[in-house]
Amino acid sequence: MIKPCGRDEAHIVHTLTQSAFKHYLGLLDPPSGVVRESAYLVRHDLEAHGGAIAWMGVVPVGCLRLEVESDHLHVRRVAVPPEYQRKGIGIALMEWAHGHARTLGLREVRLGVRLQLSGNQAFYRHLGYKVVASHRHPAQRGVTWYDMVRTV
């Protein structure tokens, strides 16, 4: 079950995100900003933009964060801890986001994916996303991440 969440669930979202992203420590250049996020920052992010949590019964097993833009829904920080991966949770979260975008009258969902995370790129391509732009983080010489988009 996927449920929208807000500031009151920040501790859950923070815990899930830290757990899901910890295996990227030392792998990403530059490092993910997740490592600097506190539950306090997550609370403010959810208060400003919202998110969703995936539940298996009473156990939270994944989450994502959102930003509603004028012409699209931007999905950020999709997080499924390793012990819950490959069980359809990421797909369910993204399907929920697609439905949420349609409910808001938006025709596109966008997200960013690190160049180094080819498995994540493949996951989103499988869901119908296409790379529409490439970017680099400050102080980096080459491309470090892609914008991916899907029409809903």
Protein backbone atom coordinates (compact mmCIF):
# COMPACT_ATOMS: atom_id res chain seq x y z
CA MET A 1 0.00 0.00 0.00
CA ILE A 2 1.30 3.47 -0.90
CA LYS A 3 0.19 6.44 1.20
CA PRO A 4 1.02 10.14 0.86
CA CYS A 5 3.13 11.47 3.70
CA GLY A 6 4.12 14.78 5.18
CA ARG A 7 6.20 16.26 7.94
CA ASP A 8 4.83 13.96 10.63
CA GLU A 9 6.38 10.95 8.89
CA ALA A 10 9.80 12.58 8.44
CA HIS A 11 11.52 10.14 10.80
CA ILE A 12 10.25 7.19 8.73
CA VAL A 13 11.31 8.79 5.42
CA HIS A 14 14.70 9.74 6.85
CA THR A 15 15.35 6.20 8.14
CA LEU A 16 14.28 4.57 4.86
CA THR A 17 16.32 6.98 2.77
CA GLN A 18 19.47 6.58 4.86
CA SER A 19 19.13 2.79 4.72
CA ALA A 20 18.58 2.71 0.96
CA PHE A 21 21.38 5.12 0.10
CA LYS A 22 24.06 3.87 2.53
CA HIS A 23 25.42 1.34 0.03
CA TYR A 24 26.26 4.29 -2.28
CA LEU A 25 28.74 5.67 0.27
CA GLY A 26 32.13 5.89 -1.34
CA LEU A 27 30.74 4.95 -4.76
CA LEU A 28 29.35 8.27 -5.98
CA ASP A 29 31.44 11.20 -7.09
CA PRO A 30 30.39 13.66 -5.85
CA PRO A 31 28.84 11.97 -2.81
CA SER A 32 25.05 11.96 -2.50
CA GLY A 33 23.55 14.81 -0.50
CA VAL A 34 21.55 12.20 1.42
CA VAL A 35 24.49 11.68 3.75
CA ARG A 36 24.13 15.27 4.99
CA GLU A 37 20.36 15.11 5.51
CA SER A 38 18.99 15.16 9.01
CA ALA A 39 15.46 14.19 10.03
CA TYR A 40 14.94 17.93 10.58
CA LEU A 41 15.79 18.70 6.93
CA VAL A 42 13.59 15.84 5.72
CA ARG A 43 10.72 17.22 7.81
CA HIS A 44 11.01 20.62 6.12
CA ASP A 45 11.31 19.01 2.69
CA LEU A 46 8.15 16.97 3.24
CA GLU A 47 6.34 19.99 4.65
CA ALA A 48 7.18 22.02 1.55
CA HIS A 49 6.73 19.34 -1.11
CA GLY A 50 5.30 16.08 0.21
CA GLY A 51 6.09 12.48 -0.46
CA ALA A 52 4.79 8.94 -0.18
CA ILE A 53 5.62 5.83 1.83
CA ALA A 54 5.17 2.21 0.73
CA TRP A 55 3.88 -0.10 3.46
CA MET A 56 3.81 -3.89 3.81
CA GLY A 57 1.23 -4.18 6.53
CA VAL A 58 2.54 -1.93 9.29
CA VAL A 59 6.17 -1.98 8.07
CA PRO A 60 7.43 0.96 5.97
CA VAL A 61 9.43 -0.49 3.06
CA GLY A 62 10.10 2.42 0.70
CA CYS A 63 9.47 6.07 0.03
CA LEU A 64 9.86 8.93 -2.38
CA ARG A 65 9.69 12.70 -2.29
CA LEU A 66 7.94 15.04 -4.67
CA GLU A 67 8.00 18.52 -6.05
CA VAL A 68 5.04 19.80 -8.03
CA GLU A 69 6.24 22.05 -10.83
CA SER A 70 4.05 24.07 -13.18
CA ASP A 71 4.20 21.49 -15.97
CA HIS A 72 5.39 18.25 -14.34
CA LEU A 73 5.81 16.25 -11.15
CA HIS A 74 9.43 15.90 -10.08
CA VAL A 75 10.16 12.71 -8.14
CA ARG A 76 13.19 12.67 -5.85
CA ARG A 77 14.92 10.39 -3.39
CA VAL A 78 13.19 7.15 -4.35
CA ALA A 79 14.38 4.86 -1.58
CA VAL A 80 13.85 1.15 -1.01
CA PRO A 81 16.22 -0.42 1.54
CA PRO A 82 18.23 -3.38 0.17
CA GLU A 83 16.27 -6.02 2.10
CA TYR A 84 13.05 -4.94 0.32
CA GLN A 85 14.44 -4.45 -3.19
CA ARG A 86 13.35 -6.61 -6.12
CA LYS A 87 9.89 -7.10 -4.63
CA GLY A 88 8.02 -4.57 -6.81
CA ILE A 89 8.11 -1.77 -4.24
CA GLY A 90 9.97 0.70 -6.46
CA ILE A 91 7.55 -0.01 -9.31
CA ALA A 92 4.58 0.50 -6.98
CA LEU A 93 6.00 3.80 -5.73
CA MET A 94 6.52 5.05 -9.27
CA GLU A 95 3.06 3.91 -10.40
CA TRP A 96 1.64 5.84 -7.45
CA ALA A 97 3.63 8.92 -8.56
CA HIS A 98 2.30 8.57 -12.11
CA GLY A 99 -1.27 8.44 -10.80
CA HIS A 100 -0.61 11.37 -8.49
CA ALA A 101 0.67 13.44 -11.43
CA ARG A 102 -2.48 12.62 -13.43
CA THR A 103 -4.65 13.58 -10.44
CA LEU A 104 -2.88 16.95 -10.37
CA GLY A 105 -3.48 17.42 -14.11
CA LEU A 106 0.21 17.03 -14.96
CA ARG A 107 1.29 15.10 -18.04
CA GLU A 108 4.90 14.34 -17.16
CA VAL A 109 6.94 12.88 -14.35
CA ARG A 110 10.63 13.81 -14.24
CA LEU A 111 13.52 12.61 -12.16
CA GLY A 112 17.30 12.72 -12.00
CA VAL A 113 19.52 9.65 -12.14
CA ARG A 114 23.27 9.47 -11.55
CA LEU A 115 25.36 8.37 -14.51
CA GLN A 116 27.19 5.95 -12.20
CA LEU A 117 23.96 4.15 -11.28
CA SER A 118 23.32 2.18 -14.46
CA GLY A 119 20.95 -0.19 -12.65
CA ASN A 120 18.76 2.74 -11.65
CA GLN A 121 18.82 4.03 -15.23
CA ALA A 122 17.71 0.59 -16.47
CA PHE A 123 14.92 0.51 -13.87
CA TYR A 124 13.50 3.82 -15.06
CA ARG A 125 13.91 2.92 -18.74
CA HIS A 126 11.91 -0.24 -18.02
CA LEU A 127 9.14 2.04 -16.69
CA GLY A 128 9.16 4.08 -19.90
CA TYR A 129 11.47 6.94 -18.95
CA LYS A 130 13.77 8.52 -21.50
CA VAL A 131 16.91 10.59 -20.99
CA VAL A 132 16.20 14.16 -22.09
CA ALA A 133 19.22 16.03 -20.73
CA SER A 134 22.60 15.46 -19.16
CA HIS A 135 24.18 17.55 -16.42
CA ARG A 136 27.27 17.79 -14.29
CA HIS A 137 27.59 18.60 -10.63
CA PRO A 138 29.63 21.71 -9.76
CA ALA A 139 33.40 21.13 -9.89
CA GLN A 140 32.96 17.99 -12.01
CA ARG A 141 34.45 17.82 -15.51
CA GLY A 142 31.99 15.50 -17.19
CA VAL A 143 28.37 14.42 -17.09
CA THR A 144 27.34 13.10 -13.67
CA TRP A 145 23.55 12.81 -13.94
CA TYR A 146 20.65 12.61 -16.38
CA ASP A 147 17.17 14.09 -16.44
CA MET A 148 14.68 11.35 -17.32
CA VAL A 149 11.06 11.98 -18.30
CA ARG A 150 7.93 9.93 -18.83
CA THR A 151 4.56 11.06 -20.11
CA VAL A 152 1.67 9.91 -17.94
